[in-house]
Amino acid sequence: MAKTLFHPSIEGAQHGSKTLEQFLAYAKSSGAAGAQPSNYMLQSAKGFKTAKEIKSAFTKAKLSLDGVSAHCPFWVHTTAWTGSPTVRPFVPPEIAKQSPAAIEKWAEDYCLRLLDLCAELGVKIVPMFWGVAFGWELATGYPWGFWKGGDFDLVAEGKERFVKKTAKLRQHAKSLGIFLAHEIHPGTAAMCADDFQMLLDACEGDSCLAVNADPSHCWEGESWETRFQKVAPRILACHVKNFTIRPGLPLRRMEADWQKRAMQFVDIPTGDLNLMRYVELLIHAGYPQRYCQITGAKSAPLVVEAESAYRDLDMTSANGIEYTRDHLCFPLAAGSFEDGMGA
């Protein structure tokens, strides 16, 4: 019987209004075989739920624990130094009022405790993204100079800042056997494959630095084929997500209303991306093989992160899970299609 390398899963960050139990029940009823809860779903009044409580919830739901989405706290940690108010939605109100240094310290402590919990849960790969370590000037990606002058070099300063600020988190992750899978993403410490390689070089190839592949963030010149082939050996996690670009609208327009933006995240089946080709590239890049080797799982998750500014979120995600299950979790070819010719 042909082997299937993948199973359908779902990311929890967009479903934060649900408790862990509600999220898992929703995931199961939608056809998922696994789930990737957000860090917030694992919180309790006194910190985090116990590993026993979390494992029990997954056992009851008959779902695999496919990592913990930790994007928000890690992004806060490497962005707080800028003093940006954009970190406030992701920290407790009493912390949001404190200084950038205090917010960063809180985020570091939070991430360290979250990594400890992941280790207790047996989670080896943590999807996340690093924040604006190079500053907002470089995060714009604007093709304009002024990033280096007689008395400053924003790129060099950013590399040094990233190494120093992430050292404790990287060391702790390695001590626990955990990989930190950065989602290459606009407005983060690595916005393209070359940026991620720059982080690797700055950290001397740190083994804990991995990639969470997501093709829906490749919409400004670098295709997902180019991006993920460049970082292929580091891909240990993935999201399945789709988007469309509205013609004639500026991608960088300062518009807060998602329905008016040029780049739209959309339901999985009807976006601009051919997700079958994306999944084939993940196989070519070795993602499912590495995931199973590291975690001991029998299949790797295709983690649905379907979003839409127009369509109901639960319906969008459920449709994405169904599409992923029925079309993207296919049996692997046992050989070349030429093998049977002339037989």
Protein backbone atom coordinates (compact mmCIF):
# COMPACT_ATOMS: atom_id res chain seq x y z
CA MET A 1 0.00 0.00 0.00
CA ALA A 2 1.35 3.45 -0.96
CA LYS A 3 2.50 5.55 1.99
CA THR A 4 0.93 8.89 2.89
CA LEU A 5 3.50 11.30 4.33
CA PHE A 6 1.08 13.91 5.65
CA HIS A 7 -1.97 14.40 7.84
CA PRO A 8 -4.32 17.43 8.02
CA SER A 9 -3.79 19.76 10.96
CA ILE A 10 -4.80 23.27 11.99
CA GLU A 11 -3.11 26.33 13.53
CA GLY A 12 -4.80 27.78 16.61
CA ALA A 13 -3.75 31.44 16.75
CA GLN A 14 -6.69 32.65 14.65
CA HIS A 15 -9.11 30.75 16.88
CA GLY A 16 -8.11 32.43 20.12
CA SER A 17 -11.69 33.01 21.21
CA LYS A 18 -11.93 29.26 21.80
CA THR A 19 -10.58 27.41 24.82
CA LEU A 20 -8.17 24.56 24.17
CA GLU A 21 -10.97 22.04 24.54
CA GLN A 22 -13.27 24.00 22.22
CA PHE A 23 -10.51 24.39 19.64
CA LEU A 24 -9.71 20.67 19.66
CA ALA A 25 -13.39 19.74 19.37
CA TYR A 26 -13.69 22.12 16.40
CA ALA A 27 -10.55 20.72 14.78
CA LYS A 28 -11.78 17.14 15.15
CA SER A 29 -15.27 17.88 13.83
CA SER A 30 -13.71 19.65 10.84
CA GLY A 31 -11.72 16.58 9.84
CA ALA A 32 -8.28 17.34 11.27
CA ALA A 33 -6.02 14.55 12.52
CA GLY A 34 -3.83 16.91 14.55
CA ALA A 35 -3.74 20.43 15.88
CA GLN A 36 -1.24 23.18 16.67
CA PRO A 37 -2.67 25.26 19.54
CA SER A 38 -1.47 28.77 20.22
CA ASN A 39 0.47 29.52 23.39
CA TYR A 40 -2.58 31.42 24.69
CA MET A 41 -4.73 28.28 24.60
CA LEU A 42 -2.26 26.63 26.98
CA GLN A 43 -2.46 29.39 29.59
CA SER A 44 -4.24 29.15 32.92
CA ALA A 45 -4.96 31.63 35.67
CA LYS A 46 -1.65 30.73 37.33
CA GLY A 47 0.56 30.54 34.25
CA PHE A 48 0.28 27.51 31.98
CA LYS A 49 -1.88 24.43 32.14
CA THR A 50 0.04 21.35 33.22
CA ALA A 51 1.46 19.02 30.59
CA LYS A 52 -0.85 16.33 31.97
CA GLU A 53 -3.93 18.50 31.40
CA ILE A 54 -2.89 19.36 27.84
CA LYS A 55 -2.04 15.78 26.92
CA SER A 56 -5.35 14.63 28.37
CA ALA A 57 -7.25 17.13 26.21
CA PHE A 58 -5.51 15.87 23.06
CA THR A 59 -6.08 12.23 24.01
CA LYS A 60 -9.76 12.90 24.61
CA ALA A 61 -10.07 14.65 21.24
CA LYS A 62 -8.07 11.86 19.51
CA LEU A 63 -5.74 14.37 17.87
CA SER A 64 -1.96 14.57 17.62
CA LEU A 65 -0.16 17.55 19.16
CA ASP A 66 1.57 19.09 16.13
CA GLY A 67 3.63 21.76 17.88
CA VAL A 68 2.68 24.96 19.67
CA SER A 69 2.21 28.20 17.76
CA ALA A 70 4.43 30.69 19.62
CA HIS A 71 4.60 33.47 17.04
CA CYS A 72 3.23 36.25 19.23
CA PRO A 73 5.50 36.07 22.32
CA PHE A 74 8.67 35.56 20.28
CA TRP A 75 7.75 38.49 18.04
CA VAL A 76 7.16 40.65 21.11
CA HIS A 77 10.53 39.64 22.51
CA THR A 78 12.53 40.80 19.48
CA THR A 79 10.36 43.86 18.76
CA ALA A 80 9.87 45.43 22.21
CA TRP A 81 13.19 47.32 22.05
CA THR A 82 11.74 49.56 19.32
CA GLY A 83 9.08 50.92 21.70
CA SER A 84 6.39 50.06 19.15
CA PRO A 85 2.78 49.95 20.45
CA THR A 86 2.15 46.98 18.12
CA VAL A 87 3.36 44.58 20.83
CA ARG A 88 0.61 45.58 23.25
CA PRO A 89 -2.16 43.26 21.99
CA PHE A 90 0.04 40.27 22.82
CA VAL A 91 1.04 41.07 26.41
CA PRO A 92 -0.95 41.49 29.64
CA PRO A 93 -2.30 45.06 30.09
CA GLU A 94 -0.19 45.68 33.18
CA ILE A 95 2.95 44.66 31.26
CA ALA A 96 2.04 46.77 28.21
CA LYS A 97 2.36 49.92 30.34
CA GLN A 98 5.97 49.17 31.26
CA SER A 99 9.21 50.17 29.55
CA PRO A 100 10.47 48.43 26.38
CA ALA A 101 13.21 46.74 28.42
CA ALA A 102 10.66 45.44 30.93
CA ILE A 103 8.40 44.14 28.16
CA GLU A 104 11.34 42.38 26.53
CA LYS A 105 12.32 40.78 29.84
CA TRP A 106 8.75 39.62 30.41
CA ALA A 107 8.62 38.12 26.89
CA GLU A 108 11.95 36.35 27.37
CA ASP A 109 10.81 34.80 30.66
CA TYR A 110 7.48 33.82 29.08
CA CYS A 111 9.19 32.15 26.11
CA LEU A 112 11.60 30.27 28.38
CA ARG A 113 8.69 28.91 30.44
CA LEU A 114 6.80 28.03 27.26
CA LEU A 115 9.81 26.08 26.00
CA ASP A 116 9.94 24.18 29.30
CA LEU A 117 6.28 23.25 28.84
CA CYS A 118 6.92 22.17 25.25
CA ALA A 119 9.71 19.90 26.47
CA GLU A 120 7.32 18.32 29.00
CA LEU A 121 4.81 17.78 26.19
CA GLY A 122 7.42 16.16 23.97
CA VAL A 123 7.15 18.99 21.42
CA LYS A 124 10.42 19.18 19.47
CA ILE A 125 9.53 21.85 16.88
CA VAL A 126 8.07 25.25 17.83
CA PRO A 127 6.66 27.37 14.97
CA MET A 128 7.26 31.08 15.62
CA PHE A 129 8.83 34.19 14.15
CA TRP A 130 11.47 36.56 15.42
CA GLY A 131 10.54 40.22 15.70
CA VAL A 132 11.93 43.43 14.23
CA ALA A 133 15.51 42.87 15.36
CA PHE A 134 16.89 45.08 12.59
CA GLY A 135 14.55 48.01 13.26
CA TRP A 136 11.52 49.33 11.44
CA GLU A 137 13.63 51.04 8.75
CA LEU A 138 14.83 47.71 7.40
CA ALA A 139 11.49 46.02 8.10
CA THR A 140 9.92 48.27 5.46
CA GLY A 141 12.11 46.58 2.88
CA TYR A 142 12.04 49.87 1.02
CA PRO A 143 14.59 49.92 -1.84
CA TRP A 144 16.22 53.09 -0.69
CA GLY A 145 19.62 53.68 0.81
CA PHE A 146 20.26 55.38 4.10
CA TRP A 147 20.72 52.10 5.96
CA LYS A 148 24.42 52.79 6.24
CA GLY A 149 26.25 56.06 6.82
CA GLY A 150 29.43 57.50 8.24
CA ASP A 151 28.52 56.65 11.83
CA PHE A 152 25.92 53.88 11.50
CA ASP A 153 25.29 50.54 9.79
CA LEU A 154 21.77 49.31 10.49
CA VAL A 155 22.35 45.85 9.03
CA ALA A 156 25.51 45.22 11.06
CA GLU A 157 23.85 46.62 14.20
CA GLY A 158 20.81 44.40 13.59
CA LYS A 159 22.88 41.24 13.28
CA GLU A 160 24.68 42.00 16.53
CA ARG A 161 21.38 42.84 18.23
CA PHE A 162 19.77 39.60 17.05
CA VAL A 163 22.65 37.45 18.27
CA LYS A 164 22.66 39.06 21.71
CA LYS A 165 18.92 39.28 22.28
CA THR A 166 18.18 35.71 21.19
CA ALA A 167 21.18 34.01 22.79
CA LYS A 168 19.41 32.89 25.96
CA LEU A 169 16.37 31.60 24.11
CA ARG A 170 18.44 29.74 21.53
CA GLN A 171 20.63 28.16 24.20
CA HIS A 172 17.63 27.06 26.24
CA ALA A 173 15.91 25.59 23.20
CA LYS A 174 19.03 23.59 22.32
CA SER A 175 19.36 22.32 25.89
CA LEU A 176 15.81 20.95 25.59
CA GLY A 177 16.29 19.49 22.11
CA ILE A 178 13.82 21.99 20.62
CA PHE A 179 14.00 23.67 17.21
CA LEU A 180 12.72 27.25 16.77
CA ALA A 181 11.03 27.33 13.34
CA HIS A 182 10.97 30.92 12.06
CA GLU A 183 8.18 31.74 9.63
CA ILE A 184 9.87 33.85 6.97
CA HIS A 185 7.47 36.76 6.90
CA PRO A 186 7.26 40.49 6.10
CA GLY A 187 8.02 42.67 9.12
CA THR A 188 10.11 40.08 10.99
CA ALA A 189 13.84 39.48 11.49
CA ALA A 190 13.99 37.45 8.25
CA MET A 191 11.67 38.50 5.43
CA CYS A 192 13.18 36.34 2.69
CA ALA A 193 15.48 33.33 2.33
CA ASP A 194 18.60 35.47 2.15
CA ASP A 195 17.61 37.25 5.37
CA PHE A 196 17.27 33.90 7.12
CA GLN A 197 20.69 32.86 5.86
CA MET A 198 22.04 36.13 7.25
CA LEU A 199 20.67 35.18 10.69
CA LEU A 200 22.28 31.74 10.39
CA ASP A 201 25.62 33.27 9.49
CA ALA A 202 25.40 35.77 12.37
CA CYS A 203 24.66 32.91 14.80
CA GLU A 204 27.36 30.66 13.34
CA GLY A 205 24.86 28.19 11.92
CA ASP A 206 23.04 27.62 15.23
CA SER A 207 21.38 24.21 14.94
CA CYS A 208 18.17 25.29 16.70
CA LEU A 209 17.32 27.86 13.98
CA ALA A 210 14.79 26.27 11.64
CA VAL A 211 12.10 27.37 9.18
CA ASN A 212 8.32 27.17 9.24
CA ALA A 213 7.39 27.19 5.55
CA ASP A 214 4.39 29.29 4.53
CA PRO A 215 3.90 30.10 0.82
CA SER A 216 1.34 32.85 1.45
CA HIS A 217 4.06 35.31 2.45
CA CYS A 218 5.85 35.16 -0.90
CA TRP A 219 4.22 38.02 -2.75
CA GLU A 220 6.96 40.59 -3.35
CA GLY A 221 9.44 39.24 -5.87
CA GLU A 222 10.60 35.99 -4.25
CA SER A 223 8.53 32.96 -5.24
CA TRP A 224 7.90 30.17 -2.76
CA GLU A 225 9.89 27.85 -5.05
CA THR A 226 12.96 30.09 -4.74
CA ARG A 227 12.53 30.77 -1.03
CA PHE A 228 12.03 27.25 0.19
CA GLN A 229 14.63 25.62 -2.04
CA LYS A 230 17.21 28.05 -0.61
CA VAL A 231 16.37 27.09 3.00
CA ALA A 232 15.28 23.50 2.32
CA PRO A 233 17.55 21.76 4.89
CA ARG A 234 16.11 23.96 7.67
CA ILE A 235 12.39 23.39 6.96
CA LEU A 236 10.98 21.53 9.97
CA ALA A 237 7.42 22.90 10.04
CA CYS A 238 4.86 24.25 7.59
CA HIS A 239 1.60 26.08 7.12
CA VAL A 240 -0.88 25.64 4.31
CA LYS A 241 -2.29 29.04 3.41
CA ASN A 242 -3.39 30.88 0.28
CA PHE A 243 -3.68 34.45 -0.94
CA THR A 244 -4.58 36.59 -3.92
CA ILE A 245 -3.23 39.90 -5.19
CA ARG A 246 -5.77 42.43 -6.44
CA PRO A 247 -4.43 43.97 -9.65
CA GLY A 248 -3.83 47.68 -9.81
CA LEU A 249 -3.70 48.26 -6.04
CA PRO A 250 -0.48 49.21 -4.23
CA LEU A 251 0.82 46.50 -1.92
CA ARG A 252 2.30 49.02 0.50
CA ARG A 253 -0.72 51.28 0.86
CA MET A 254 -1.25 52.37 4.47
CA GLU A 255 -4.67 50.77 4.93
CA ALA A 256 -5.79 49.15 8.19
CA ASP A 257 -8.98 47.61 6.78
CA TRP A 258 -8.13 44.14 5.47
CA GLN A 259 -11.03 44.20 2.98
CA LYS A 260 -9.41 47.17 1.21
CA ARG A 261 -5.89 45.76 0.98
CA ALA A 262 -4.25 44.63 -2.25
CA MET A 263 -2.94 41.38 -0.74
CA GLN A 264 -5.77 39.23 0.58
CA PHE A 265 -5.47 35.98 2.51
CA VAL A 266 -8.21 33.73 1.15
CA ASP A 267 -9.71 30.26 1.43
CA ILE A 268 -7.36 27.41 0.58
CA PRO A 269 -8.93 26.16 -2.70
CA THR A 270 -9.37 29.45 -4.62
CA GLY A 271 -6.24 31.55 -4.05
CA ASP A 272 -3.42 32.32 -6.48
CA LEU A 273 -1.16 29.52 -5.20
CA ASN A 274 -1.09 25.97 -6.53
CA LEU A 275 -0.84 24.21 -3.18
CA MET A 276 -0.34 20.79 -4.73
CA ARG A 277 2.95 22.06 -6.21
CA TYR A 278 3.83 23.55 -2.81
CA VAL A 279 3.31 20.21 -1.05
CA GLU A 280 5.39 18.47 -3.71
CA LEU A 281 8.18 20.96 -3.00
CA LEU A 282 7.93 20.20 0.73
CA ILE A 283 8.53 16.54 -0.08
CA HIS A 284 11.41 17.45 -2.41
CA ALA A 285 12.87 19.66 0.36
CA GLY A 286 12.71 16.77 2.82
CA TYR A 287 10.27 18.35 5.28
CA PRO A 288 8.07 15.32 6.08
CA GLN A 289 11.05 12.99 6.33
CA ARG A 290 12.90 15.30 8.76
CA TYR A 291 9.78 15.96 10.81
CA CYS A 292 9.11 12.27 11.31
CA GLN A 293 12.74 11.54 12.11
CA ILE A 294 12.89 14.28 14.78
CA THR A 295 9.48 13.68 16.37
CA GLY A 296 8.99 9.95 15.84
CA ALA A 297 5.62 10.63 14.23
CA LYS A 298 4.32 8.43 11.42
CA SER A 299 3.31 11.42 9.27
CA ALA A 300 4.01 15.13 9.13
CA PRO A 301 1.31 17.78 9.62
CA LEU A 302 0.07 20.05 6.88
CA VAL A 303 -1.06 22.82 9.21
CA VAL A 304 -3.99 24.77 7.77
CA GLU A 305 -3.97 28.51 8.48
CA ALA A 306 -6.87 29.66 6.32
CA GLU A 307 -7.90 33.29 6.72
CA SER A 308 -10.33 35.57 4.91
CA ALA A 309 -11.42 39.16 5.36
CA TYR A 310 -14.85 38.24 3.99
CA ARG A 311 -15.70 34.65 4.84
CA ASP A 312 -16.54 33.34 8.32
CA LEU A 313 -13.32 32.15 9.98
CA ASP A 314 -14.58 28.78 11.22
CA MET A 315 -16.08 27.98 7.82
CA THR A 316 -12.87 29.07 6.07
CA SER A 317 -10.68 26.91 8.28
CA ALA A 318 -13.00 23.89 8.11
CA ASN A 319 -13.03 24.15 4.33
CA GLY A 320 -9.23 24.36 4.38
CA ILE A 321 -8.90 21.24 6.53
CA GLU A 322 -11.27 19.34 4.25
CA TYR A 323 -9.39 20.42 1.13
CA THR A 324 -6.02 19.53 2.67
CA ARG A 325 -7.28 16.12 3.80
CA ASP A 326 -8.88 15.25 0.45
CA HIS A 327 -6.34 16.74 -1.98
CA LEU A 328 -2.96 17.35 -0.33
CA CYS A 329 -2.50 14.27 1.89
CA PHE A 330 -1.93 11.98 -1.08
CA PRO A 331 -0.20 8.56 -1.26
CA LEU A 332 3.43 8.94 -2.27
CA ALA A 333 4.54 7.53 -5.63
CA ALA A 334 6.37 4.24 -5.13
CA GLY A 335 8.41 4.74 -8.29
CA SER A 336 8.45 6.47 -11.66
CA PHE A 337 5.30 6.53 -13.76
CA GLU A 338 7.51 5.10 -16.53
CA ASP A 339 8.07 1.87 -14.60
CA GLY A 340 4.92 0.18 -15.84
CA MET A 341 5.25 1.23 -19.46
CA GLY A 342 5.66 -1.66 -21.86
CA ALA A 343 4.97 -4.24 -19.17
